[in-house]
Amino acid sequence: MARPRNFDRDHVLHAAERQFRTSGYNGTSVDDISAATGLGRGSLYAAFDGKHGVLLEAMSGYFGRLAQGPRKMLDGPDEGALERLHAYLLRAVHGVPLAADVPASDRAGAACFAAKMALEIGASDPEVKRLANDCFSVVATAVAECVRAAQRNGDIDPDADPDNLAYLLLTVIRGSEVVGANGHSPDRLTSIAESAFALLPRPRHT
């Protein structure tokens, strides 16, 4: 009979996520994860099938957190869509949803976990690439729906492609994480967000 699991799975995955954020996937060993989580090597292999399994579950947990934030901030009536989009963009350039035990003051830690892993190993790891694309898509979908709502309300050019605009804003958000992680000030990040917002095409009045 298998022994019962006597550890907090979410806590272990959050600790592993912190380790991967700090050292990268290739720079993290099973022993590093064991030290970060408090689980022995045998328990890690039994519960997660090794380092790669821990990474995939940590990315899945990150996706779950990421999926909630944009939907909550961007969903609502058409008449407030442009204001919600503005507020979301300003907030998003200052970080992404973190696990409760990841310090919000850590700009490098606030960078998108999916983007970090995709850049490091996504080209050679189909599962990581799929999870990263899911993370990007869930944000882009929520932003595109808000753009459509603003178009219906007459605040954004109805001929503009909402999906293209969503990926423009997503690119700005992810790029601002790199800028922020390299020491640029919150004022600079706010200026980036405001400039991106100003690029949204307004209706042409005749």
C-alpha atoms as a PDB file:
ATOM      1  CA  MET A   1       0.000   0.000   0.000  1.00  0.00           C
ATOM      2  CA  ALA A   2       1.342   3.420  -0.943  1.00  0.00           C
ATOM      3  CA  ARG A   3       2.218   5.699   1.944  1.00  0.00           C
ATOM      4  CA  PRO A   4      -0.043   8.766   2.289  1.00  0.00           C
ATOM      5  CA  ARG A   5       1.365  12.099   1.176  1.00  0.00           C
ATOM      6  CA  ASN A   6       2.074  14.266   4.186  1.00  0.00           C
ATOM      7  CA  PHE A   7       3.128  17.516   2.549  1.00  0.00           C
ATOM      8  CA  ASP A   8       1.402  20.652   1.322  1.00  0.00           C
ATOM      9  CA  ARG A   9       1.486  20.262  -2.458  1.00  0.00           C
ATOM     10  CA  ASP A  10       0.787  23.929  -3.181  1.00  0.00           C
ATOM     11  CA  HIS A  11       3.547  25.056  -0.829  1.00  0.00           C
ATOM     12  CA  VAL A  12       6.007  22.674  -2.491  1.00  0.00           C
ATOM     13  CA  LEU A  13       5.084  23.924  -5.966  1.00  0.00           C
ATOM     14  CA  HIS A  14       5.351  27.568  -4.898  1.00  0.00           C
ATOM     15  CA  ALA A  15       8.795  26.911  -3.427  1.00  0.00           C
ATOM     16  CA  ALA A  16       9.847  25.096  -6.593  1.00  0.00           C
ATOM     17  CA  GLU A  17       8.557  27.992  -8.708  1.00  0.00           C
ATOM     18  CA  ARG A  18      10.704  30.398  -6.666  1.00  0.00           C
ATOM     19  CA  GLN A  19      13.717  28.188  -7.264  1.00  0.00           C
ATOM     20  CA  PHE A  20      13.120  27.958 -11.007  1.00  0.00           C
ATOM     21  CA  ARG A  21      12.592  31.722 -11.190  1.00  0.00           C
ATOM     22  CA  THR A  22      15.909  32.292  -9.405  1.00  0.00           C
ATOM     23  CA  SER A  23      18.122  29.693 -11.087  1.00  0.00           C
ATOM     24  CA  GLY A  24      16.301  28.802 -14.288  1.00  0.00           C
ATOM     25  CA  TYR A  25      15.423  25.263 -15.255  1.00  0.00           C
ATOM     26  CA  ASN A  26      18.892  24.160 -16.315  1.00  0.00           C
ATOM     27  CA  GLY A  27      20.486  25.857 -13.327  1.00  0.00           C
ATOM     28  CA  THR A  28      18.219  24.033 -10.875  1.00  0.00           C
ATOM     29  CA  SER A  29      19.029  20.519  -9.702  1.00  0.00           C
ATOM     30  CA  VAL A  30      16.791  18.013  -7.968  1.00  0.00           C
ATOM     31  CA  ASP A  31      18.859  18.654  -4.843  1.00  0.00           C
ATOM     32  CA  ASP A  32      18.102  22.395  -5.153  1.00  0.00           C
ATOM     33  CA  ILE A  33      14.382  21.625  -5.329  1.00  0.00           C
ATOM     34  CA  SER A  34      14.691  19.260  -2.407  1.00  0.00           C
ATOM     35  CA  ALA A  35      16.404  21.942  -0.329  1.00  0.00           C
ATOM     36  CA  ALA A  36      13.864  24.600  -1.365  1.00  0.00           C
ATOM     37  CA  THR A  37      10.815  22.441  -0.692  1.00  0.00           C
ATOM     38  CA  GLY A  38      11.972  20.296   2.199  1.00  0.00           C
ATOM     39  CA  LEU A  39      11.080  17.106   0.312  1.00  0.00           C
ATOM     40  CA  GLY A  40      13.637  14.354  -0.156  1.00  0.00           C
ATOM     41  CA  ARG A  41      14.692  13.248  -3.622  1.00  0.00           C
ATOM     42  CA  GLY A  42      12.695  10.036  -3.321  1.00  0.00           C
ATOM     43  CA  SER A  43       9.538  11.898  -2.357  1.00  0.00           C
ATOM     44  CA  LEU A  44       9.978  14.338  -5.252  1.00  0.00           C
ATOM     45  CA  TYR A  45      10.289  11.509  -7.744  1.00  0.00           C
ATOM     46  CA  ALA A  46       7.368   9.631  -6.206  1.00  0.00           C
ATOM     47  CA  ALA A  47       5.074  12.661  -6.188  1.00  0.00           C
ATOM     48  CA  PHE A  48       6.162  14.483  -9.352  1.00  0.00           C
ATOM     49  CA  ASP A  49       8.321  12.076 -11.371  1.00  0.00           C
ATOM     50  CA  GLY A  50      11.391  14.274 -11.047  1.00  0.00           C
ATOM     51  CA  LYS A  51      12.431  17.827 -11.881  1.00  0.00           C
ATOM     52  CA  HIS A  52      10.527  18.090 -15.145  1.00  0.00           C
ATOM     53  CA  GLY A  53       7.308  16.949 -13.498  1.00  0.00           C
ATOM     54  CA  VAL A  54       7.741  19.549 -10.766  1.00  0.00           C
ATOM     55  CA  LEU A  55       8.221  22.244 -13.401  1.00  0.00           C
ATOM     56  CA  LEU A  56       5.098  21.275 -15.350  1.00  0.00           C
ATOM     57  CA  GLU A  57       2.935  21.259 -12.222  1.00  0.00           C
ATOM     58  CA  ALA A  58       4.419  24.568 -11.061  1.00  0.00           C
ATOM     59  CA  MET A  59       3.642  26.097 -14.458  1.00  0.00           C
ATOM     60  CA  SER A  60       0.100  24.714 -14.306  1.00  0.00           C
ATOM     61  CA  GLY A  61      -0.376  26.330 -10.906  1.00  0.00           C
ATOM     62  CA  TYR A  62       0.964  29.609 -12.259  1.00  0.00           C
ATOM     63  CA  PHE A  63      -1.473  29.372 -15.167  1.00  0.00           C
ATOM     64  CA  GLY A  64      -4.339  28.964 -12.693  1.00  0.00           C
ATOM     65  CA  ARG A  65      -3.375  32.187 -10.899  1.00  0.00           C
ATOM     66  CA  LEU A  66      -2.729  34.043 -14.134  1.00  0.00           C
ATOM     67  CA  ALA A  67      -6.102  33.053 -15.603  1.00  0.00           C
ATOM     68  CA  GLN A  68      -8.055  34.623 -12.760  1.00  0.00           C
ATOM     69  CA  GLY A  69      -6.574  38.132 -12.616  1.00  0.00           C
ATOM     70  CA  PRO A  70      -7.205  39.507 -16.123  1.00  0.00           C
ATOM     71  CA  ARG A  71     -10.743  38.106 -16.287  1.00  0.00           C
ATOM     72  CA  LYS A  72     -11.688  39.725 -12.987  1.00  0.00           C
ATOM     73  CA  MET A  73     -10.175  43.086 -13.914  1.00  0.00           C
ATOM     74  CA  LEU A  74     -11.364  43.250 -17.515  1.00  0.00           C
ATOM     75  CA  ASP A  75     -14.849  41.762 -17.399  1.00  0.00           C
ATOM     76  CA  GLY A  76     -17.791  44.149 -17.125  1.00  0.00           C
ATOM     77  CA  PRO A  77     -20.200  46.397 -19.035  1.00  0.00           C
ATOM     78  CA  ASP A  78     -19.212  47.861 -22.382  1.00  0.00           C
ATOM     79  CA  GLU A  79     -19.367  51.457 -21.171  1.00  0.00           C
ATOM     80  CA  GLY A  80     -16.487  50.970 -18.727  1.00  0.00           C
ATOM     81  CA  ALA A  81     -14.312  48.787 -20.949  1.00  0.00           C
ATOM     82  CA  LEU A  82     -11.752  51.431 -21.960  1.00  0.00           C
ATOM     83  CA  GLU A  83     -11.239  52.500 -18.343  1.00  0.00           C
ATOM     84  CA  ARG A  84     -10.817  48.865 -17.260  1.00  0.00           C
ATOM     85  CA  LEU A  85      -8.284  48.301 -20.023  1.00  0.00           C
ATOM     86  CA  HIS A  86      -6.338  51.369 -18.914  1.00  0.00           C
ATOM     87  CA  ALA A  87      -6.331  50.292 -15.266  1.00  0.00           C
ATOM     88  CA  TYR A  88      -5.313  46.731 -16.162  1.00  0.00           C
ATOM     89  CA  LEU A  89      -2.409  47.887 -18.314  1.00  0.00           C
ATOM     90  CA  LEU A  90      -1.099  50.199 -15.591  1.00  0.00           C
ATOM     91  CA  ARG A  91      -1.270  47.418 -13.039  1.00  0.00           C
ATOM     92  CA  ALA A  92       0.090  44.697 -15.306  1.00  0.00           C
ATOM     93  CA  VAL A  93       3.340  46.457 -16.193  1.00  0.00           C
ATOM     94  CA  HIS A  94       4.251  46.423 -12.493  1.00  0.00           C
ATOM     95  CA  GLY A  95       4.147  42.653 -12.132  1.00  0.00           C
ATOM     96  CA  VAL A  96       2.219  39.431 -12.567  1.00  0.00           C
ATOM     97  CA  PRO A  97       0.175  37.320 -10.101  1.00  0.00           C
ATOM     98  CA  LEU A  98       2.635  35.723  -7.705  1.00  0.00           C
ATOM     99  CA  ALA A  99       2.358  32.885  -5.235  1.00  0.00           C
ATOM    100  CA  ALA A 100       1.676  34.148  -1.723  1.00  0.00           C
ATOM    101  CA  ASP A 101       5.246  33.402  -0.632  1.00  0.00           C
ATOM    102  CA  VAL A 102       6.984  35.194  -3.533  1.00  0.00           C
ATOM    103  CA  PRO A 103       8.008  38.715  -2.447  1.00  0.00           C
ATOM    104  CA  ALA A 104       6.136  41.298  -4.535  1.00  0.00           C
ATOM    105  CA  SER A 105       9.139  43.639  -4.214  1.00  0.00           C
ATOM    106  CA  ASP A 106      11.295  41.299  -6.291  1.00  0.00           C
ATOM    107  CA  ARG A 107      11.052  42.650  -9.843  1.00  0.00           C
ATOM    108  CA  ALA A 108      12.870  39.655 -11.329  1.00  0.00           C
ATOM    109  CA  GLY A 109      10.513  37.410  -9.396  1.00  0.00           C
ATOM    110  CA  ALA A 110       7.547  39.334 -10.750  1.00  0.00           C
ATOM    111  CA  ALA A 111       8.450  38.523 -14.347  1.00  0.00           C
ATOM    112  CA  CYS A 112       6.207  36.064 -16.144  1.00  0.00           C
ATOM    113  CA  PHE A 113       7.198  32.543 -15.084  1.00  0.00           C
ATOM    114  CA  ALA A 114       5.852  31.078 -18.324  1.00  0.00           C
ATOM    115  CA  ALA A 115       7.844  33.522 -20.446  1.00  0.00           C
ATOM    116  CA  LYS A 116      11.019  32.778 -18.494  1.00  0.00           C
ATOM    117  CA  MET A 117      10.678  29.034 -18.992  1.00  0.00           C
ATOM    118  CA  ALA A 118       9.609  29.406 -22.630  1.00  0.00           C
ATOM    119  CA  LEU A 119      12.692  31.463 -23.429  1.00  0.00           C
ATOM    120  CA  GLU A 120      14.988  28.990 -21.706  1.00  0.00           C
ATOM    121  CA  ILE A 121      13.665  25.619 -22.852  1.00  0.00           C
ATOM    122  CA  GLY A 122      10.417  26.135 -24.792  1.00  0.00           C
ATOM    123  CA  ALA A 123      12.074  25.567 -28.174  1.00  0.00           C
ATOM    124  CA  SER A 124      13.116  22.050 -27.156  1.00  0.00           C
ATOM    125  CA  ASP A 125      10.330  21.143 -24.729  1.00  0.00           C
ATOM    126  CA  PRO A 126       6.847  20.818 -26.290  1.00  0.00           C
ATOM    127  CA  GLU A 127       5.066  20.569 -22.942  1.00  0.00           C
ATOM    128  CA  VAL A 128       6.652  23.754 -21.633  1.00  0.00           C
ATOM    129  CA  LYS A 129       5.905  25.481 -24.949  1.00  0.00           C
ATOM    130  CA  ARG A 130       2.237  24.418 -24.737  1.00  0.00           C
ATOM    131  CA  LEU A 131       1.838  25.633 -21.152  1.00  0.00           C
ATOM    132  CA  ALA A 132       3.566  28.919 -21.951  1.00  0.00           C
ATOM    133  CA  ASN A 133       1.303  29.469 -24.948  1.00  0.00           C
ATOM    134  CA  ASP A 134      -1.718  28.738 -22.746  1.00  0.00           C
ATOM    135  CA  CYS A 135      -0.531  31.424 -20.322  1.00  0.00           C
ATOM    136  CA  PHE A 136      -0.092  33.968 -23.097  1.00  0.00           C
ATOM    137  CA  SER A 137      -3.420  33.067 -24.708  1.00  0.00           C
ATOM    138  CA  VAL A 138      -5.518  33.391 -21.561  1.00  0.00           C
ATOM    139  CA  VAL A 139      -4.282  36.947 -21.024  1.00  0.00           C
ATOM    140  CA  ALA A 140      -4.605  37.899 -24.698  1.00  0.00           C
ATOM    141  CA  THR A 141      -8.142  36.509 -24.846  1.00  0.00           C
ATOM    142  CA  ALA A 142      -9.273  38.528 -21.822  1.00  0.00           C
ATOM    143  CA  VAL A 143      -7.683  41.700 -23.220  1.00  0.00           C
ATOM    144  CA  ALA A 144      -9.201  41.128 -26.688  1.00  0.00           C
ATOM    145  CA  GLU A 145     -12.676  40.696 -25.179  1.00  0.00           C
ATOM    146  CA  CYS A 146     -12.270  43.986 -23.326  1.00  0.00           C
ATOM    147  CA  VAL A 147     -11.133  45.666 -26.560  1.00  0.00           C
ATOM    148  CA  ARG A 148     -14.269  44.346 -28.289  1.00  0.00           C
ATOM    149  CA  ALA A 149     -16.407  45.761 -25.493  1.00  0.00           C
ATOM    150  CA  ALA A 150     -14.711  49.153 -25.926  1.00  0.00           C
ATOM    151  CA  GLN A 151     -15.340  48.939 -29.674  1.00  0.00           C
ATOM    152  CA  ARG A 152     -19.028  48.239 -29.102  1.00  0.00           C
ATOM    153  CA  ASN A 153     -19.144  51.293 -26.850  1.00  0.00           C
ATOM    154  CA  GLY A 154     -17.523  53.470 -29.507  1.00  0.00           C
ATOM    155  CA  ASP A 155     -14.245  54.051 -27.636  1.00  0.00           C
ATOM    156  CA  ILE A 156     -11.899  52.113 -29.947  1.00  0.00           C
ATOM    157  CA  ASP A 157     -11.892  52.078 -33.752  1.00  0.00           C
ATOM    158  CA  PRO A 158     -14.336  49.302 -34.767  1.00  0.00           C
ATOM    159  CA  ASP A 159     -12.138  48.401 -37.750  1.00  0.00           C
ATOM    160  CA  ALA A 160      -9.122  47.587 -35.552  1.00  0.00           C
ATOM    161  CA  ASP A 161      -8.310  43.915 -34.979  1.00  0.00           C
ATOM    162  CA  PRO A 162      -8.916  43.221 -31.259  1.00  0.00           C
ATOM    163  CA  ASP A 163      -6.634  40.182 -31.230  1.00  0.00           C
ATOM    164  CA  ASN A 164      -3.751  42.148 -32.725  1.00  0.00           C
ATOM    165  CA  LEU A 165      -4.279  44.932 -30.205  1.00  0.00           C
ATOM    166  CA  ALA A 166      -4.361  42.376 -27.378  1.00  0.00           C
ATOM    167  CA  TYR A 167      -1.017  40.910 -28.427  1.00  0.00           C
ATOM    168  CA  LEU A 168       0.425  44.417 -28.808  1.00  0.00           C
ATOM    169  CA  LEU A 169      -0.476  45.141 -25.185  1.00  0.00           C
ATOM    170  CA  LEU A 170       0.718  41.708 -24.040  1.00  0.00           C
ATOM    171  CA  THR A 171       4.066  42.351 -25.716  1.00  0.00           C
ATOM    172  CA  VAL A 172       4.331  45.710 -23.945  1.00  0.00           C
ATOM    173  CA  ILE A 173       3.507  44.080 -20.603  1.00  0.00           C
ATOM    174  CA  ARG A 174       6.067  41.296 -20.999  1.00  0.00           C
ATOM    175  CA  GLY A 175       8.697  43.716 -22.294  1.00  0.00           C
ATOM    176  CA  SER A 176       8.151  46.010 -19.331  1.00  0.00           C
ATOM    177  CA  GLU A 177       8.973  43.087 -17.028  1.00  0.00           C
ATOM    178  CA  VAL A 178      12.438  42.925 -18.577  1.00  0.00           C
ATOM    179  CA  VAL A 179      12.847  46.689 -18.241  1.00  0.00           C
ATOM    180  CA  GLY A 180      11.663  46.609 -14.619  1.00  0.00           C
ATOM    181  CA  ALA A 181      13.838  43.635 -13.703  1.00  0.00           C
ATOM    182  CA  ASN A 182      16.871  45.600 -14.927  1.00  0.00           C
ATOM    183  CA  GLY A 183      16.312  48.408 -12.492  1.00  0.00           C
ATOM    184  CA  HIS A 184      14.118  50.948 -14.234  1.00  0.00           C
ATOM    185  CA  SER A 185      11.799  52.904 -11.970  1.00  0.00           C
ATOM    186  CA  PRO A 186       8.059  52.448 -11.469  1.00  0.00           C
ATOM    187  CA  ASP A 187       7.617  55.880 -13.067  1.00  0.00           C
ATOM    188  CA  ARG A 188       9.305  54.593 -16.230  1.00  0.00           C
ATOM    189  CA  LEU A 189       7.042  51.537 -16.263  1.00  0.00           C
ATOM    190  CA  THR A 190       3.978  53.731 -15.821  1.00  0.00           C
ATOM    191  CA  SER A 191       5.135  55.900 -18.715  1.00  0.00           C
ATOM    192  CA  ILE A 192       5.500  52.789 -20.888  1.00  0.00           C
ATOM    193  CA  ALA A 193       1.950  51.719 -20.030  1.00  0.00           C
ATOM    194  CA  GLU A 194       0.531  55.174 -20.745  1.00  0.00           C
ATOM    195  CA  SER A 195       2.318  55.316 -24.106  1.00  0.00           C
ATOM    196  CA  ALA A 196       0.966  51.894 -25.047  1.00  0.00           C
ATOM    197  CA  PHE A 197      -2.547  52.922 -24.047  1.00  0.00           C
ATOM    198  CA  ALA A 198      -2.256  56.039 -26.216  1.00  0.00           C
ATOM    199  CA  LEU A 199      -1.512  53.796 -29.223  1.00  0.00           C
ATOM    200  CA  LEU A 200      -4.983  52.241 -29.105  1.00  0.00           C
ATOM    201  CA  PRO A 201      -6.805  53.525 -32.194  1.00  0.00           C
ATOM    202  CA  ARG A 202      -9.739  55.758 -31.429  1.00  0.00           C
ATOM    203  CA  PRO A 203     -12.794  56.011 -33.702  1.00  0.00           C
ATOM    204  CA  ARG A 204     -12.421  58.218 -36.748  1.00  0.00           C
ATOM    205  CA  HIS A 205     -15.000  61.014 -36.626  1.00  0.00           C
ATOM    206  CA  THR A 206     -16.243  62.388 -39.934  1.00  0.00           C
END
